[in-house]
């Protein structure tokens, strides 16, 4: 019984290690692609997020008095990349457990 439990533990550890490697590979390629996309970017004004709303949220901070012209564009891109990475991580987690729905544990 202990031998079969040890074999199961070893198998689970190998699966977790494979999942970690897959996550690292996927995120590495994700960041390389993001970096290349930013380098190739020509039109900084074409953002999928509403810049006026981003600027309004930034002004909610009492320490913020002035916002540079480029700052909302930078924040919009950062939010876009953050959302993409979180989505990619969630998808990898769900797919590694052969599921189709993301659930909070």
N, C-alpha and C. Protein backbone atom coordinates (compact mmCIF):
# COMPACT_ATOMS: atom_id res chain seq x y z
N UNK A 1 0.82 -1.20 0.00
CA UNK A 1 0.00 0.00 0.00
C UNK A 1 0.87 1.26 0.00
N UNK A 2 1.94 1.27 0.80
CA UNK A 2 2.82 2.43 0.85
C UNK A 2 3.53 2.63 -0.49
N UNK A 3 3.87 1.51 -1.13
CA UNK A 3 4.58 1.60 -2.41
C UNK A 3 3.68 2.25 -3.45
N UNK A 4 2.41 1.86 -3.51
CA UNK A 4 1.51 2.45 -4.49
C UNK A 4 1.27 3.93 -4.17
N UNK A 5 1.21 4.28 -2.89
CA UNK A 5 1.05 5.68 -2.51
C UNK A 5 2.27 6.50 -2.92
N UNK A 6 3.45 5.93 -2.76
CA UNK A 6 4.68 6.62 -3.15
C UNK A 6 4.70 6.82 -4.67
N UNK A 7 4.25 5.81 -5.40
CA UNK A 7 4.21 5.92 -6.87
C UNK A 7 3.22 7.01 -7.28
N UNK A 8 2.08 7.09 -6.61
CA UNK A 8 1.08 8.12 -6.90
C UNK A 8 1.64 9.51 -6.58
N UNK A 9 2.35 9.61 -5.47
CA UNK A 9 2.95 10.89 -5.07
C UNK A 9 3.98 11.32 -6.11
N UNK A 10 4.82 10.37 -6.54
CA UNK A 10 5.83 10.69 -7.56
C UNK A 10 5.17 11.13 -8.85
N UNK A 11 4.10 10.46 -9.24
CA UNK A 11 3.39 10.82 -10.47
C UNK A 11 2.78 12.22 -10.37
N UNK A 12 2.18 12.52 -9.22
CA UNK A 12 1.60 13.85 -9.01
C UNK A 12 2.68 14.92 -9.03
N UNK A 13 3.83 14.65 -8.44
CA UNK A 13 4.93 15.61 -8.45
C UNK A 13 5.44 15.85 -9.86
N UNK A 14 5.51 14.79 -10.65
CA UNK A 14 5.94 14.93 -12.05
C UNK A 14 4.94 15.75 -12.84
N UNK A 15 3.64 15.51 -12.60
CA UNK A 15 2.61 16.29 -13.29
C UNK A 15 2.70 17.76 -12.92
N UNK A 16 2.90 18.05 -11.64
CA UNK A 16 3.02 19.44 -11.21
C UNK A 16 4.25 20.10 -11.82
N UNK A 17 5.34 19.35 -11.90
CA UNK A 17 6.56 19.90 -12.51
C UNK A 17 6.32 20.19 -13.99
N UNK A 18 5.63 19.30 -14.69
CA UNK A 18 5.30 19.52 -16.10
C UNK A 18 4.41 20.75 -16.26
N UNK A 19 3.44 20.92 -15.36
CA UNK A 19 2.57 22.08 -15.41
C UNK A 19 3.36 23.37 -15.19
N UNK A 20 4.31 23.35 -14.23
CA UNK A 20 5.14 24.53 -13.99
C UNK A 20 5.98 24.88 -15.22
N UNK A 21 6.54 23.85 -15.85
CA UNK A 21 7.36 24.08 -17.04
C UNK A 21 6.50 24.63 -18.19
N UNK A 22 5.30 24.09 -18.34
CA UNK A 22 4.40 24.59 -19.38
C UNK A 22 4.03 26.04 -19.11
N UNK A 23 3.74 26.36 -17.85
CA UNK A 23 3.41 27.73 -17.49
C UNK A 23 4.59 28.66 -17.77
N UNK A 24 5.79 28.25 -17.39
CA UNK A 24 6.97 29.08 -17.63
C UNK A 24 7.20 29.28 -19.12
N UNK A 25 7.08 28.21 -19.91
CA UNK A 25 7.27 28.33 -21.36
C UNK A 25 6.23 29.25 -21.97
N UNK A 26 4.98 29.06 -21.59
CA UNK A 26 3.90 29.85 -22.15
C UNK A 26 4.06 31.32 -21.79
N UNK A 27 4.37 31.59 -20.53
CA UNK A 27 4.53 32.99 -20.10
C UNK A 27 5.78 33.62 -20.72
N UNK A 28 6.83 32.84 -20.89
CA UNK A 28 8.02 33.39 -21.56
C UNK A 28 7.70 33.80 -22.99
N UNK A 29 7.02 32.92 -23.72
CA UNK A 29 6.66 33.26 -25.09
C UNK A 29 5.64 34.40 -25.12
N UNK A 30 4.77 34.47 -24.13
CA UNK A 30 3.80 35.56 -24.04
C UNK A 30 4.53 36.89 -23.90
N UNK A 31 5.53 36.96 -22.99
CA UNK A 31 6.23 38.21 -22.76
C UNK A 31 7.11 38.60 -23.94
N UNK A 32 7.68 37.62 -24.63
CA UNK A 32 8.46 37.91 -25.83
C UNK A 32 7.54 38.51 -26.89
N UNK A 33 6.35 37.90 -27.06
CA UNK A 33 5.39 38.42 -28.04
C UNK A 33 4.92 39.83 -27.66
N UNK A 34 4.69 40.09 -26.38
CA UNK A 34 4.27 41.42 -25.94
C UNK A 34 5.36 42.45 -26.22
N UNK A 35 6.59 42.08 -25.93
CA UNK A 35 7.71 42.99 -26.16
C UNK A 35 7.84 43.32 -27.65
N UNK A 36 7.72 42.30 -28.50
CA UNK A 36 7.80 42.52 -29.94
C UNK A 36 6.64 43.38 -30.43
N UNK A 37 5.46 43.16 -29.88
CA UNK A 37 4.30 43.96 -30.26
C UNK A 37 4.50 45.43 -29.89
N UNK A 38 5.05 45.67 -28.71
CA UNK A 38 5.29 47.05 -28.27
C UNK A 38 6.33 47.72 -29.16
N UNK A 39 7.36 46.99 -29.53
CA UNK A 39 8.39 47.55 -30.41
C UNK A 39 7.81 47.93 -31.77
N UNK A 40 6.92 47.09 -32.30
CA UNK A 40 6.33 47.32 -33.62
C UNK A 40 5.19 48.32 -33.59
N UNK A 41 4.74 48.69 -32.43
CA UNK A 41 3.58 49.56 -32.28
C UNK A 41 3.80 50.91 -32.95
N UNK A 42 2.90 51.28 -33.83
CA UNK A 42 2.98 52.55 -34.54
C UNK A 42 1.98 53.57 -34.00
N UNK A 43 0.76 53.09 -33.78
CA UNK A 43 -0.32 53.98 -33.37
C UNK A 43 -0.60 53.77 -31.88
N UNK A 44 -0.07 54.66 -31.06
CA UNK A 44 -0.26 54.54 -29.62
C UNK A 44 -1.64 55.01 -29.17
N UNK A 45 -2.35 55.68 -30.05
CA UNK A 45 -3.64 56.22 -29.65
C UNK A 45 -4.78 55.23 -29.82
N UNK A 46 -4.53 54.12 -30.50
CA UNK A 46 -5.56 53.10 -30.71
C UNK A 46 -5.53 52.13 -29.53
N UNK A 47 -6.26 52.44 -28.49
CA UNK A 47 -6.28 51.61 -27.29
C UNK A 47 -7.67 51.00 -27.12
N UNK A 48 -7.72 49.74 -26.70
CA UNK A 48 -9.03 49.11 -26.50
C UNK A 48 -9.76 49.58 -25.24
N UNK A 49 -9.04 50.22 -24.33
CA UNK A 49 -9.65 50.70 -23.09
C UNK A 49 -9.94 52.19 -23.20
N UNK A 50 -11.01 52.66 -22.57
CA UNK A 50 -11.35 54.09 -22.65
C UNK A 50 -10.38 54.96 -21.85
N UNK A 51 -9.67 55.80 -22.56
CA UNK A 51 -8.64 56.62 -21.92
C UNK A 51 -9.22 57.64 -20.94
N UNK A 52 -10.40 58.18 -21.27
CA UNK A 52 -11.01 59.16 -20.36
C UNK A 52 -11.32 58.52 -19.01
N UNK A 53 -11.78 57.29 -19.02
CA UNK A 53 -12.09 56.61 -17.76
C UNK A 53 -10.81 56.33 -16.98
N UNK A 54 -9.76 55.93 -17.68
CA UNK A 54 -8.48 55.69 -17.02
C UNK A 54 -7.97 56.98 -16.37
N UNK A 55 -8.07 58.07 -17.09
CA UNK A 55 -7.62 59.36 -16.56
C UNK A 55 -8.46 59.75 -15.33
N UNK A 56 -9.76 59.51 -15.40
CA UNK A 56 -10.64 59.83 -14.27
C UNK A 56 -10.28 58.99 -13.04
N UNK A 57 -9.97 57.71 -13.26
CA UNK A 57 -9.58 56.84 -12.15
C UNK A 57 -8.26 57.31 -11.54
N UNK A 58 -7.34 57.72 -12.40
CA UNK A 58 -6.06 58.22 -11.90
C UNK A 58 -6.25 59.47 -11.06
N UNK A 59 -7.19 60.31 -11.44
CA UNK A 59 -7.43 61.56 -10.70
C UNK A 59 -8.11 61.33 -9.36
N UNK A 60 -8.62 60.13 -9.12
CA UNK A 60 -9.23 59.82 -7.83
C UNK A 60 -8.20 59.83 -6.69
N UNK A 61 -6.95 59.62 -7.03
CA UNK A 61 -5.89 59.65 -6.03
C UNK A 61 -5.64 61.11 -5.64
N UNK A 62 -5.75 61.45 -4.35
CA UNK A 62 -5.58 62.84 -3.93
C UNK A 62 -4.16 63.37 -4.15
N UNK A 63 -3.18 62.47 -4.30
CA UNK A 63 -1.80 62.90 -4.53
C UNK A 63 -1.53 63.26 -5.99
N UNK A 64 -2.45 62.89 -6.87
CA UNK A 64 -2.27 63.17 -8.30
C UNK A 64 -2.87 64.53 -8.62
N UNK A 65 -2.04 65.43 -9.10
CA UNK A 65 -2.51 66.77 -9.45
C UNK A 65 -2.55 66.97 -10.95
N UNK A 66 -1.54 66.47 -11.62
CA UNK A 66 -1.48 66.60 -13.08
C UNK A 66 -1.10 65.25 -13.67
N UNK A 67 -1.63 64.98 -14.85
CA UNK A 67 -1.36 63.72 -15.54
C UNK A 67 -0.79 64.07 -16.91
N UNK A 68 0.39 63.53 -17.20
CA UNK A 68 1.02 63.77 -18.49
C UNK A 68 0.19 63.19 -19.62
N UNK A 69 0.38 63.72 -20.81
CA UNK A 69 -0.40 63.31 -21.98
C UNK A 69 -0.22 61.82 -22.29
N UNK A 70 0.98 61.29 -22.13
CA UNK A 70 1.27 59.90 -22.49
C UNK A 70 0.86 58.90 -21.41
N UNK A 71 0.67 59.37 -20.20
CA UNK A 71 0.44 58.48 -19.07
C UNK A 71 -0.81 57.61 -19.22
N UNK A 72 -1.96 58.12 -19.63
CA UNK A 72 -3.12 57.23 -19.80
C UNK A 72 -2.88 56.13 -20.84
N UNK A 73 -2.12 56.44 -21.89
CA UNK A 73 -1.80 55.42 -22.89
C UNK A 73 -0.96 54.31 -22.28
N UNK A 74 0.01 54.69 -21.46
CA UNK A 74 0.87 53.72 -20.80
C UNK A 74 0.05 52.85 -19.84
N UNK A 75 -0.81 53.48 -19.06
CA UNK A 75 -1.65 52.72 -18.14
C UNK A 75 -2.61 51.81 -18.88
N UNK A 76 -3.17 52.25 -19.99
CA UNK A 76 -4.08 51.43 -20.78
C UNK A 76 -3.36 50.19 -21.31
N UNK A 77 -2.15 50.37 -21.80
CA UNK A 77 -1.37 49.23 -22.30
C UNK A 77 -1.02 48.29 -21.17
N UNK A 78 -0.63 48.83 -20.02
CA UNK A 78 -0.30 48.00 -18.86
C UNK A 78 -1.52 47.19 -18.41
N UNK A 79 -2.69 47.82 -18.40
CA UNK A 79 -3.92 47.11 -18.03
C UNK A 79 -4.25 46.01 -19.03
N UNK A 80 -4.04 46.30 -20.30
CA UNK A 80 -4.30 45.31 -21.35
C UNK A 80 -3.38 44.09 -21.17
N UNK A 81 -2.10 44.34 -20.95
CA UNK A 81 -1.14 43.24 -20.79
C UNK A 81 -1.45 42.46 -19.51
N UNK A 82 -1.78 43.16 -18.43
CA UNK A 82 -2.13 42.49 -17.18
C UNK A 82 -3.32 41.57 -17.37
N UNK A 83 -4.35 42.05 -18.04
CA UNK A 83 -5.55 41.25 -18.28
C UNK A 83 -5.23 40.03 -19.13
N UNK A 84 -4.42 40.21 -20.14
CA UNK A 84 -4.04 39.08 -21.00
C UNK A 84 -3.26 38.03 -20.22
N UNK A 85 -2.33 38.47 -19.37
CA UNK A 85 -1.54 37.50 -18.61
C UNK A 85 -2.41 36.75 -17.61
N UNK A 86 -3.26 37.43 -16.90
CA UNK A 86 -4.14 36.76 -15.94
C UNK A 86 -5.04 35.75 -16.65
N UNK A 87 -5.55 36.14 -17.81
CA UNK A 87 -6.40 35.24 -18.59
C UNK A 87 -5.61 34.01 -19.03
N UNK A 88 -4.40 34.23 -19.51
CA UNK A 88 -3.56 33.11 -19.96
C UNK A 88 -3.24 32.17 -18.80
N UNK A 89 -2.92 32.73 -17.63
CA UNK A 89 -2.65 31.89 -16.46
C UNK A 89 -3.88 31.08 -16.06
N UNK A 90 -5.05 31.71 -16.07
CA UNK A 90 -6.28 31.01 -15.72
C UNK A 90 -6.57 29.90 -16.72
N UNK A 91 -6.37 30.19 -18.00
CA UNK A 91 -6.62 29.18 -19.03
C UNK A 91 -5.67 27.99 -18.86
N UNK A 92 -4.40 28.25 -18.57
CA UNK A 92 -3.45 27.16 -18.36
C UNK A 92 -3.83 26.32 -17.15
N UNK A 93 -4.27 26.96 -16.09
CA UNK A 93 -4.68 26.23 -14.89
C UNK A 93 -5.90 25.37 -15.18
N UNK A 94 -6.87 25.94 -15.85
CA UNK A 94 -8.10 25.20 -16.16
C UNK A 94 -7.80 24.04 -17.11
N UNK A 95 -7.02 24.29 -18.14
CA UNK A 95 -6.73 23.24 -19.10
C UNK A 95 -5.87 22.14 -18.50
N UNK A 96 -5.01 22.47 -17.53
CA UNK A 96 -4.19 21.43 -16.90
C UNK A 96 -5.03 20.49 -16.04
N UNK A 97 -6.20 20.94 -15.62
CA UNK A 97 -7.11 20.09 -14.84
C UNK A 97 -8.26 19.56 -15.67
N UNK A 98 -8.12 19.63 -17.00
CA UNK A 98 -9.14 19.18 -17.95
C UNK A 98 -10.52 19.74 -17.63
N UNK A 99 -10.57 21.01 -17.41
CA UNK A 99 -11.83 21.69 -17.13
C UNK A 99 -12.07 22.75 -18.19
N UNK A 100 -13.29 23.26 -18.22
CA UNK A 100 -13.63 24.31 -19.16
C UNK A 100 -14.07 25.59 -18.48
N UNK A 101 -14.21 25.54 -17.17
CA UNK A 101 -14.70 26.68 -16.42
C UNK A 101 -13.70 27.05 -15.33
N UNK A 102 -13.43 28.33 -15.20
CA UNK A 102 -12.56 28.82 -14.12
C UNK A 102 -13.43 28.97 -12.88
N UNK A 103 -12.98 28.37 -11.78
CA UNK A 103 -13.71 28.48 -10.52
C UNK A 103 -12.76 28.93 -9.43
N UNK A 104 -13.29 29.69 -8.50
CA UNK A 104 -12.50 30.12 -7.34
C UNK A 104 -12.55 29.01 -6.31
N UNK A 105 -11.38 28.64 -5.80
CA UNK A 105 -11.32 27.55 -4.81
C UNK A 105 -11.39 28.09 -3.43
